[in-house]
Amino acid sequence: MLSWKLAEKRGFGLTDGFWNRFGVVLIEAPIHLFTSTLANYFRAEYDADIFPASFNEQEKHFLWQYAGHTWTVWWAFSSEEVAFALALFLETKAIVITHQGTSEWSTVKIFYQDRWTEYYHFGSDDYDDPNEKIGDRGWGAGYWDLEITYEYFVSQQSTFPIQTRHLFSSVMRKVTESEMKSVLKSGTGKFGFLHATLQHYGAYLPDCNETPLNYSRSDFDFHPVRSDFERVDALVLPKETFYWRNMLPVPEHVAP
């Protein structure tokens, strides 16, 4: 295995896209600071520097930092409240990515220190009029910087294209309609802009077989080794961690 390939990867790496329910938090901070903050502020119990991890321990959350990367990955967890608090405490950036298979829509939120700075929402579009601004309905006219529809074919054998809608708002950067369409056409389909966004921030969402988790692998899959990681940790959060249980003295909602 060539470990340096993983160290240099950035962007969206999930080969088959999101499955039915998916969530991940990325924090731009060394893993030892990330884990110690969870322990100090959220009373998390954790085991540091474990390898390999077992995905069968459902009560635990797993986080790791790849060698050569500045972001720590918190797999199978997507609480934006906790992510915002971590960005605030560590004075850094947090990316929260969630997907709901029922609606086939994905959400990407980026926090920086004490602000919600970027929002990207995309998914299957079943509206008859592609020029209709659906984002104006729930958020109010002018909330989104950009809203476009995009069609792509799943494969060369596909007869009909899949239509998706993409809504974007940011106080960190400006993106034009032509830039977003160009990225979406670049070969990664509906995940093209997510790929470009993660690259922009220097983060990486790995494929399943690039994680330390024992998750749906064949004998021919790529298998990371200990040298691919700065560290791998496992932790358990108390139920009282979350805002709706009135533990944390930080704002429940933030907005750009």
C-alpha atoms as a PDB file:
ATOM      1  CA  MET A   1       0.000   0.000   0.000  1.00  0.00           C
ATOM      2  CA  LEU A   2       1.137   3.517  -0.803  1.00  0.00           C
ATOM      3  CA  SER A   3       0.189   5.469   2.318  1.00  0.00           C
ATOM      4  CA  TRP A   4       1.147   8.819   0.837  1.00  0.00           C
ATOM      5  CA  LYS A   5      -1.834   8.621  -1.525  1.00  0.00           C
ATOM      6  CA  LEU A   6      -4.230   8.830   1.411  1.00  0.00           C
ATOM      7  CA  ALA A   7      -2.201  11.614   3.007  1.00  0.00           C
ATOM      8  CA  GLU A   8      -2.600  13.744  -0.117  1.00  0.00           C
ATOM      9  CA  LYS A   9      -6.292  13.133  -0.765  1.00  0.00           C
ATOM     10  CA  ARG A  10      -8.813  15.959  -0.373  1.00  0.00           C
ATOM     11  CA  GLY A  11     -12.465  16.321  -1.328  1.00  0.00           C
ATOM     12  CA  PHE A  12     -15.329  13.795  -1.514  1.00  0.00           C
ATOM     13  CA  GLY A  13     -14.067  10.206  -1.546  1.00  0.00           C
ATOM     14  CA  LEU A  14     -17.162   8.056  -0.994  1.00  0.00           C
ATOM     15  CA  THR A  15     -17.224   5.706  -3.999  1.00  0.00           C
ATOM     16  CA  ASP A  16     -20.938   4.891  -3.931  1.00  0.00           C
ATOM     17  CA  GLY A  17     -22.200   8.153  -2.486  1.00  0.00           C
ATOM     18  CA  PHE A  18     -24.287   8.371   0.675  1.00  0.00           C
ATOM     19  CA  TRP A  19     -26.351   5.474   1.953  1.00  0.00           C
ATOM     20  CA  ASN A  20     -29.788   5.733   3.554  1.00  0.00           C
ATOM     21  CA  ARG A  21     -28.791   7.683   6.651  1.00  0.00           C
ATOM     22  CA  PHE A  22     -25.414   9.309   6.848  1.00  0.00           C
ATOM     23  CA  GLY A  23     -23.742  11.834   9.094  1.00  0.00           C
ATOM     24  CA  VAL A  24     -20.211  13.038   9.732  1.00  0.00           C
ATOM     25  CA  VAL A  25     -18.493  15.963  11.444  1.00  0.00           C
ATOM     26  CA  LEU A  26     -15.134  17.309  10.305  1.00  0.00           C
ATOM     27  CA  ILE A  27     -13.180  19.587  12.653  1.00  0.00           C
ATOM     28  CA  GLU A  28     -10.104  21.542  11.581  1.00  0.00           C
ATOM     29  CA  ALA A  29      -8.075  20.703  14.659  1.00  0.00           C
ATOM     30  CA  PRO A  30      -5.583  18.068  15.855  1.00  0.00           C
ATOM     31  CA  ILE A  31      -7.312  14.988  17.189  1.00  0.00           C
ATOM     32  CA  HIS A  32      -5.838  15.284  20.679  1.00  0.00           C
ATOM     33  CA  LEU A  33      -7.427  18.743  21.081  1.00  0.00           C
ATOM     34  CA  PHE A  34     -10.690  17.514  19.606  1.00  0.00           C
ATOM     35  CA  THR A  35     -10.948  14.531  21.965  1.00  0.00           C
ATOM     36  CA  SER A  36      -9.811  16.422  25.068  1.00  0.00           C
ATOM     37  CA  THR A  37     -12.429  19.121  24.367  1.00  0.00           C
ATOM     38  CA  LEU A  38     -15.153  16.499  24.126  1.00  0.00           C
ATOM     39  CA  ALA A  39     -13.953  15.021  27.418  1.00  0.00           C
ATOM     40  CA  ASN A  40     -13.679  18.361  29.225  1.00  0.00           C
ATOM     41  CA  TYR A  41     -16.845  20.092  27.995  1.00  0.00           C
ATOM     42  CA  PHE A  42     -19.130  17.151  27.266  1.00  0.00           C
ATOM     43  CA  ARG A  43     -17.954  14.620  29.860  1.00  0.00           C
ATOM     44  CA  ALA A  44     -17.173  12.113  27.120  1.00  0.00           C
ATOM     45  CA  GLU A  45     -15.489   8.846  27.991  1.00  0.00           C
ATOM     46  CA  TYR A  46     -12.862   7.886  25.449  1.00  0.00           C
ATOM     47  CA  ASP A  47     -10.126   5.456  24.511  1.00  0.00           C
ATOM     48  CA  ALA A  48      -7.214   7.141  22.749  1.00  0.00           C
ATOM     49  CA  ASP A  49      -5.022   5.746  20.006  1.00  0.00           C
ATOM     50  CA  ILE A  50      -6.870   2.529  19.224  1.00  0.00           C
ATOM     51  CA  PHE A  51      -6.254   0.611  16.004  1.00  0.00           C
ATOM     52  CA  PRO A  52      -8.025  -1.107  14.433  1.00  0.00           C
ATOM     53  CA  ALA A  53     -11.463   0.041  15.571  1.00  0.00           C
ATOM     54  CA  SER A  54     -14.519  -2.183  15.587  1.00  0.00           C
ATOM     55  CA  PHE A  55     -17.644  -0.743  13.996  1.00  0.00           C
ATOM     56  CA  ASN A  56     -19.722  -3.288  15.892  1.00  0.00           C
ATOM     57  CA  GLU A  57     -19.518  -1.246  19.094  1.00  0.00           C
ATOM     58  CA  GLN A  58     -22.635   0.771  18.345  1.00  0.00           C
ATOM     59  CA  GLU A  59     -22.535   2.786  21.550  1.00  0.00           C
ATOM     60  CA  LYS A  60     -19.228   4.335  20.543  1.00  0.00           C
ATOM     61  CA  HIS A  61     -18.371   7.086  18.098  1.00  0.00           C
ATOM     62  CA  PHE A  62     -15.075   6.926  16.234  1.00  0.00           C
ATOM     63  CA  LEU A  63     -12.862   9.829  15.220  1.00  0.00           C
ATOM     64  CA  TRP A  64      -9.481   9.981  13.592  1.00  0.00           C
ATOM     65  CA  GLN A  65      -6.965  12.252  11.919  1.00  0.00           C
ATOM     66  CA  TYR A  66      -5.110  11.094   8.846  1.00  0.00           C
ATOM     67  CA  ALA A  67      -1.374  11.636   8.657  1.00  0.00           C
ATOM     68  CA  GLY A  68      -0.734  14.764   6.608  1.00  0.00           C
ATOM     69  CA  HIS A  69      -4.218  16.184   7.248  1.00  0.00           C
ATOM     70  CA  THR A  70      -5.270  19.144   9.411  1.00  0.00           C
ATOM     71  CA  TRP A  71      -8.878  17.972   9.844  1.00  0.00           C
ATOM     72  CA  THR A  72     -10.188  15.321  12.235  1.00  0.00           C
ATOM     73  CA  VAL A  73     -13.017  13.064  11.024  1.00  0.00           C
ATOM     74  CA  TRP A  74     -15.893  12.182  13.371  1.00  0.00           C
ATOM     75  CA  TRP A  75     -17.596   9.283  11.610  1.00  0.00           C
ATOM     76  CA  ALA A  76     -21.325   8.422  11.818  1.00  0.00           C
ATOM     77  CA  PHE A  77     -22.147  11.476  13.919  1.00  0.00           C
ATOM     78  CA  SER A  78     -23.717  14.729  12.709  1.00  0.00           C
ATOM     79  CA  SER A  79     -25.011  16.845  15.593  1.00  0.00           C
ATOM     80  CA  GLU A  80     -24.652  20.421  14.368  1.00  0.00           C
ATOM     81  CA  GLU A  81     -25.146  21.696  17.925  1.00  0.00           C
ATOM     82  CA  VAL A  82     -22.116  19.827  19.211  1.00  0.00           C
ATOM     83  CA  ALA A  83     -20.120  20.697  16.079  1.00  0.00           C
ATOM     84  CA  PHE A  84     -20.873  24.393  16.533  1.00  0.00           C
ATOM     85  CA  ALA A  85     -19.810  24.246  20.167  1.00  0.00           C
ATOM     86  CA  LEU A  86     -16.533  22.573  19.165  1.00  0.00           C
ATOM     87  CA  ALA A  87     -15.860  25.257  16.542  1.00  0.00           C
ATOM     88  CA  LEU A  88     -16.531  27.873  19.228  1.00  0.00           C
ATOM     89  CA  PHE A  89     -14.384  26.272  21.938  1.00  0.00           C
ATOM     90  CA  LEU A  90     -11.485  25.453  19.608  1.00  0.00           C
ATOM     91  CA  GLU A  91     -11.798  28.694  17.590  1.00  0.00           C
ATOM     92  CA  THR A  92     -11.751  26.757  14.350  1.00  0.00           C
ATOM     93  CA  LYS A  93     -13.938  25.459  11.495  1.00  0.00           C
ATOM     94  CA  ALA A  94     -16.441  22.618  11.661  1.00  0.00           C
ATOM     95  CA  ILE A  95     -18.182  20.952   8.715  1.00  0.00           C
ATOM     96  CA  VAL A  96     -21.386  18.980   9.318  1.00  0.00           C
ATOM     97  CA  ILE A  97     -22.602  16.699   6.508  1.00  0.00           C
ATOM     98  CA  THR A  98     -25.940  14.887   6.747  1.00  0.00           C
ATOM     99  CA  HIS A  99     -28.037  12.872   4.333  1.00  0.00           C
ATOM    100  CA  GLN A 100     -31.578  11.493   4.573  1.00  0.00           C
ATOM    101  CA  GLY A 101     -32.306   8.636   2.197  1.00  0.00           C
ATOM    102  CA  THR A 102     -36.072   9.111   2.339  1.00  0.00           C
ATOM    103  CA  SER A 103     -35.936  12.597   0.870  1.00  0.00           C
ATOM    104  CA  GLU A 104     -32.658  12.071  -1.046  1.00  0.00           C
ATOM    105  CA  TRP A 105     -31.435  15.473   0.139  1.00  0.00           C
ATOM    106  CA  SER A 106     -28.060  16.260   1.668  1.00  0.00           C
ATOM    107  CA  THR A 107     -27.047  19.189   3.863  1.00  0.00           C
ATOM    108  CA  VAL A 108     -23.625  20.707   4.437  1.00  0.00           C
ATOM    109  CA  LYS A 109     -23.181  23.343   7.160  1.00  0.00           C
ATOM    110  CA  ILE A 110     -19.910  25.062   7.969  1.00  0.00           C
ATOM    111  CA  PHE A 111     -19.261  26.855  11.251  1.00  0.00           C
ATOM    112  CA  TYR A 112     -16.294  29.097  11.946  1.00  0.00           C
ATOM    113  CA  GLN A 113     -15.664  30.010  15.580  1.00  0.00           C
ATOM    114  CA  ASP A 114     -18.948  31.577  16.755  1.00  0.00           C
ATOM    115  CA  ARG A 115     -20.695  31.843  13.370  1.00  0.00           C
ATOM    116  CA  TRP A 116     -22.623  29.716  10.922  1.00  0.00           C
ATOM    117  CA  THR A 117     -20.788  30.769   7.783  1.00  0.00           C
ATOM    118  CA  GLU A 118     -21.848  28.482   4.925  1.00  0.00           C
ATOM    119  CA  TYR A 119     -24.855  26.384   3.951  1.00  0.00           C
ATOM    120  CA  TYR A 120     -25.179  24.009   1.001  1.00  0.00           C
ATOM    121  CA  HIS A 121     -28.375  22.006   0.438  1.00  0.00           C
ATOM    122  CA  PHE A 122     -28.867  19.651  -2.522  1.00  0.00           C
ATOM    123  CA  GLY A 123     -30.904  16.683  -3.651  1.00  0.00           C
ATOM    124  CA  SER A 124     -33.430  15.152  -6.023  1.00  0.00           C
ATOM    125  CA  ASP A 125     -35.653  17.713  -7.706  1.00  0.00           C
ATOM    126  CA  ASP A 126     -39.233  16.699  -8.530  1.00  0.00           C
ATOM    127  CA  TYR A 127     -40.559  20.177  -9.295  1.00  0.00           C
ATOM    128  CA  ASP A 128     -42.056  20.765 -12.730  1.00  0.00           C
ATOM    129  CA  ASP A 129     -40.535  24.190 -13.190  1.00  0.00           C
ATOM    130  CA  PRO A 130     -36.719  24.169 -12.876  1.00  0.00           C
ATOM    131  CA  ASN A 131     -36.754  27.979 -12.738  1.00  0.00           C
ATOM    132  CA  GLU A 132     -38.966  28.071  -9.642  1.00  0.00           C
ATOM    133  CA  LYS A 133     -36.984  29.175  -6.582  1.00  0.00           C
ATOM    134  CA  ILE A 134     -38.036  26.674  -3.939  1.00  0.00           C
ATOM    135  CA  GLY A 135     -35.533  28.154  -1.503  1.00  0.00           C
ATOM    136  CA  ASP A 136     -37.647  31.290  -1.238  1.00  0.00           C
ATOM    137  CA  ARG A 137     -40.477  29.290   0.301  1.00  0.00           C
ATOM    138  CA  GLY A 138     -39.048  28.177   3.616  1.00  0.00           C
ATOM    139  CA  TRP A 139     -36.200  30.633   4.095  1.00  0.00           C
ATOM    140  CA  GLY A 140     -37.528  33.782   2.524  1.00  0.00           C
ATOM    141  CA  ALA A 141     -36.612  35.549  -0.688  1.00  0.00           C
ATOM    142  CA  GLY A 142     -32.937  36.421  -0.938  1.00  0.00           C
ATOM    143  CA  TYR A 143     -31.686  33.972   1.700  1.00  0.00           C
ATOM    144  CA  TRP A 144     -29.729  31.835  -0.781  1.00  0.00           C
ATOM    145  CA  ASP A 145     -26.852  33.289  -2.784  1.00  0.00           C
ATOM    146  CA  LEU A 146     -27.401  30.697  -5.476  1.00  0.00           C
ATOM    147  CA  GLU A 147     -30.055  28.182  -6.533  1.00  0.00           C
ATOM    148  CA  ILE A 148     -29.761  26.060  -9.662  1.00  0.00           C
ATOM    149  CA  THR A 149     -31.045  22.807 -11.150  1.00  0.00           C
ATOM    150  CA  TYR A 150     -28.691  20.288 -12.720  1.00  0.00           C
ATOM    151  CA  GLU A 151     -29.285  17.129 -14.742  1.00  0.00           C
ATOM    152  CA  TYR A 152     -26.933  14.170 -14.979  1.00  0.00           C
ATOM    153  CA  PHE A 153     -26.996  10.559 -16.165  1.00  0.00           C
ATOM    154  CA  VAL A 154     -26.145   7.820 -13.681  1.00  0.00           C
ATOM    155  CA  SER A 155     -24.433   5.810 -16.429  1.00  0.00           C
ATOM    156  CA  GLN A 156     -23.998   5.739 -20.193  1.00  0.00           C
ATOM    157  CA  GLN A 157     -26.841   3.236 -20.387  1.00  0.00           C
ATOM    158  CA  SER A 158     -29.299   5.567 -18.605  1.00  0.00           C
ATOM    159  CA  THR A 159     -32.250   6.661 -20.724  1.00  0.00           C
ATOM    160  CA  PHE A 160     -33.461   9.530 -18.597  1.00  0.00           C
ATOM    161  CA  PRO A 161     -31.380  12.054 -16.642  1.00  0.00           C
ATOM    162  CA  ILE A 162     -31.700  12.655 -12.912  1.00  0.00           C
ATOM    163  CA  GLN A 163     -32.534  16.227 -12.023  1.00  0.00           C
ATOM    164  CA  THR A 164     -31.083  17.731  -8.859  1.00  0.00           C
ATOM    165  CA  ARG A 165     -31.420  21.103  -7.198  1.00  0.00           C
ATOM    166  CA  HIS A 166     -28.571  22.920  -5.452  1.00  0.00           C
ATOM    167  CA  LEU A 167     -28.929  25.808  -2.972  1.00  0.00           C
ATOM    168  CA  PHE A 168     -25.928  27.644  -1.572  1.00  0.00           C
ATOM    169  CA  SER A 169     -25.225  30.541   0.796  1.00  0.00           C
ATOM    170  CA  SER A 170     -21.905  31.690   2.278  1.00  0.00           C
ATOM    171  CA  VAL A 171     -20.236  34.608   3.994  1.00  0.00           C
ATOM    172  CA  MET A 172     -16.823  33.004   3.459  1.00  0.00           C
ATOM    173  CA  ARG A 173     -16.644  32.957  -0.340  1.00  0.00           C
ATOM    174  CA  LYS A 174     -18.472  33.888  -3.536  1.00  0.00           C
ATOM    175  CA  VAL A 175     -19.613  31.217  -5.996  1.00  0.00           C
ATOM    176  CA  THR A 176     -21.235  32.039  -9.339  1.00  0.00           C
ATOM    177  CA  GLU A 177     -23.836  29.990 -11.188  1.00  0.00           C
ATOM    178  CA  SER A 178     -21.392  29.234 -14.004  1.00  0.00           C
ATOM    179  CA  GLU A 179     -18.758  28.072 -11.487  1.00  0.00           C
ATOM    180  CA  MET A 180     -21.175  25.701  -9.763  1.00  0.00           C
ATOM    181  CA  LYS A 181     -22.455  24.267 -13.058  1.00  0.00           C
ATOM    182  CA  SER A 182     -18.904  23.798 -14.290  1.00  0.00           C
ATOM    183  CA  VAL A 183     -17.969  21.866 -11.151  1.00  0.00           C
ATOM    184  CA  LEU A 184     -21.099  19.709 -11.334  1.00  0.00           C
ATOM    185  CA  LYS A 185     -20.245  18.789 -14.922  1.00  0.00           C
ATOM    186  CA  SER A 186     -16.694  17.851 -14.003  1.00  0.00           C
ATOM    187  CA  GLY A 187     -17.440  14.134 -13.654  1.00  0.00           C
ATOM    188  CA  THR A 188     -18.508  13.676 -10.032  1.00  0.00           C
ATOM    189  CA  GLY A 189     -22.212  14.228 -10.742  1.00  0.00           C
ATOM    190  CA  LYS A 190     -24.369  15.693  -8.012  1.00  0.00           C
ATOM    191  CA  PHE A 191     -21.479  15.428  -5.528  1.00  0.00           C
ATOM    192  CA  GLY A 192     -19.211  17.600  -7.647  1.00  0.00           C
ATOM    193  CA  PHE A 193     -19.767  20.791  -5.705  1.00  0.00           C
ATOM    194  CA  LEU A 194     -19.428  18.989  -2.372  1.00  0.00           C
ATOM    195  CA  HIS A 195     -16.133  17.583  -3.642  1.00  0.00           C
ATOM    196  CA  ALA A 196     -14.971  21.077  -4.640  1.00  0.00           C
ATOM    197  CA  THR A 197     -16.125  22.529  -1.300  1.00  0.00           C
ATOM    198  CA  LEU A 198     -14.144  20.009   0.741  1.00  0.00           C
ATOM    199  CA  GLN A 199     -11.123  20.628  -1.484  1.00  0.00           C
ATOM    200  CA  HIS A 200     -11.530  24.382  -0.966  1.00  0.00           C
ATOM    201  CA  TYR A 201     -11.276  23.913   2.802  1.00  0.00           C
ATOM    202  CA  GLY A 202      -8.550  21.256   2.596  1.00  0.00           C
ATOM    203  CA  ALA A 203     -10.766  18.521   4.085  1.00  0.00           C
ATOM    204  CA  TYR A 204     -11.371  14.927   3.020  1.00  0.00           C
ATOM    205  CA  LEU A 205     -14.436  12.697   3.361  1.00  0.00           C
ATOM    206  CA  PRO A 206     -12.975   9.195   2.883  1.00  0.00           C
ATOM    207  CA  ASP A 207     -14.368   6.117   1.261  1.00  0.00           C
ATOM    208  CA  CYS A 208     -15.543   3.408   3.681  1.00  0.00           C
ATOM    209  CA  ASN A 209     -12.558   1.190   2.984  1.00  0.00           C
ATOM    210  CA  GLU A 210     -10.178   4.050   3.800  1.00  0.00           C
ATOM    211  CA  THR A 211     -11.462   4.251   7.356  1.00  0.00           C
ATOM    212  CA  PRO A 212     -10.126   2.234  10.319  1.00  0.00           C
ATOM    213  CA  LEU A 213     -13.616   0.760  10.755  1.00  0.00           C
ATOM    214  CA  ASN A 214     -14.371  -2.861   9.912  1.00  0.00           C
ATOM    215  CA  TYR A 215     -17.084  -1.903   7.456  1.00  0.00           C
ATOM    216  CA  SER A 216     -18.232  -3.837   4.357  1.00  0.00           C
ATOM    217  CA  ARG A 217     -14.869  -4.688   2.892  1.00  0.00           C
ATOM    218  CA  SER A 218     -13.698  -7.355   0.495  1.00  0.00           C
ATOM    219  CA  ASP A 219     -10.248  -8.921   0.415  1.00  0.00           C
ATOM    220  CA  PHE A 220      -9.375  -6.688  -2.524  1.00  0.00           C
ATOM    221  CA  ASP A 221     -10.265  -3.385  -0.880  1.00  0.00           C
ATOM    222  CA  PHE A 222      -7.726  -0.801   0.167  1.00  0.00           C
ATOM    223  CA  HIS A 223      -6.895  -1.272   3.869  1.00  0.00           C
ATOM    224  CA  PRO A 224      -5.357   1.593   5.866  1.00  0.00           C
ATOM    225  CA  VAL A 225      -2.581   0.786   8.306  1.00  0.00           C
ATOM    226  CA  ARG A 226      -1.513   2.477  11.535  1.00  0.00           C
ATOM    227  CA  SER A 227       0.975   4.724   9.724  1.00  0.00           C
ATOM    228  CA  ASP A 228      -1.907   6.337   7.796  1.00  0.00           C
ATOM    229  CA  PHE A 229      -3.193   7.976  10.994  1.00  0.00           C
ATOM    230  CA  GLU A 230      -2.058  10.506  13.507  1.00  0.00           C
ATOM    231  CA  ARG A 231      -4.419   8.757  15.905  1.00  0.00           C
ATOM    232  CA  VAL A 232      -7.749   6.911  16.113  1.00  0.00           C
ATOM    233  CA  ASP A 233     -10.014   7.440  19.149  1.00  0.00           C
ATOM    234  CA  ALA A 234     -13.302   5.912  20.333  1.00  0.00           C
ATOM    235  CA  LEU A 235     -15.676   7.761  22.630  1.00  0.00           C
ATOM    236  CA  VAL A 236     -19.056   7.625  24.313  1.00  0.00           C
ATOM    237  CA  LEU A 237     -21.035  10.829  24.888  1.00  0.00           C
ATOM    238  CA  PRO A 238     -23.483  11.151  27.802  1.00  0.00           C
ATOM    239  CA  LYS A 239     -27.105  11.715  26.859  1.00  0.00           C
ATOM    240  CA  GLU A 240     -26.965  15.101  28.580  1.00  0.00           C
ATOM    241  CA  THR A 241     -24.541  16.370  25.936  1.00  0.00           C
ATOM    242  CA  PHE A 242     -27.184  17.814  23.668  1.00  0.00           C
ATOM    243  CA  TYR A 243     -28.709  21.284  23.944  1.00  0.00           C
ATOM    244  CA  TRP A 244     -32.275  20.175  24.273  1.00  0.00           C
ATOM    245  CA  ARG A 245     -31.297  18.618  27.598  1.00  0.00           C
ATOM    246  CA  ASN A 246     -30.141  22.065  28.797  1.00  0.00           C
ATOM    247  CA  MET A 247     -26.553  21.202  29.606  1.00  0.00           C
ATOM    248  CA  LEU A 248     -24.512  23.596  27.488  1.00  0.00           C
ATOM    249  CA  PRO A 249     -24.524  27.396  27.978  1.00  0.00           C
ATOM    250  CA  VAL A 250     -24.091  28.137  24.248  1.00  0.00           C
ATOM    251  CA  PRO A 251     -26.665  29.427  21.725  1.00  0.00           C
ATOM    252  CA  GLU A 252     -29.103  26.857  20.367  1.00  0.00           C
ATOM    253  CA  HIS A 253     -29.276  28.509  16.947  1.00  0.00           C
ATOM    254  CA  VAL A 254     -26.823  30.601  14.997  1.00  0.00           C
ATOM    255  CA  ALA A 255     -27.189  32.174  11.553  1.00  0.00           C
ATOM    256  CA  PRO A 256     -24.963  33.805   8.952  1.00  0.00           C
END
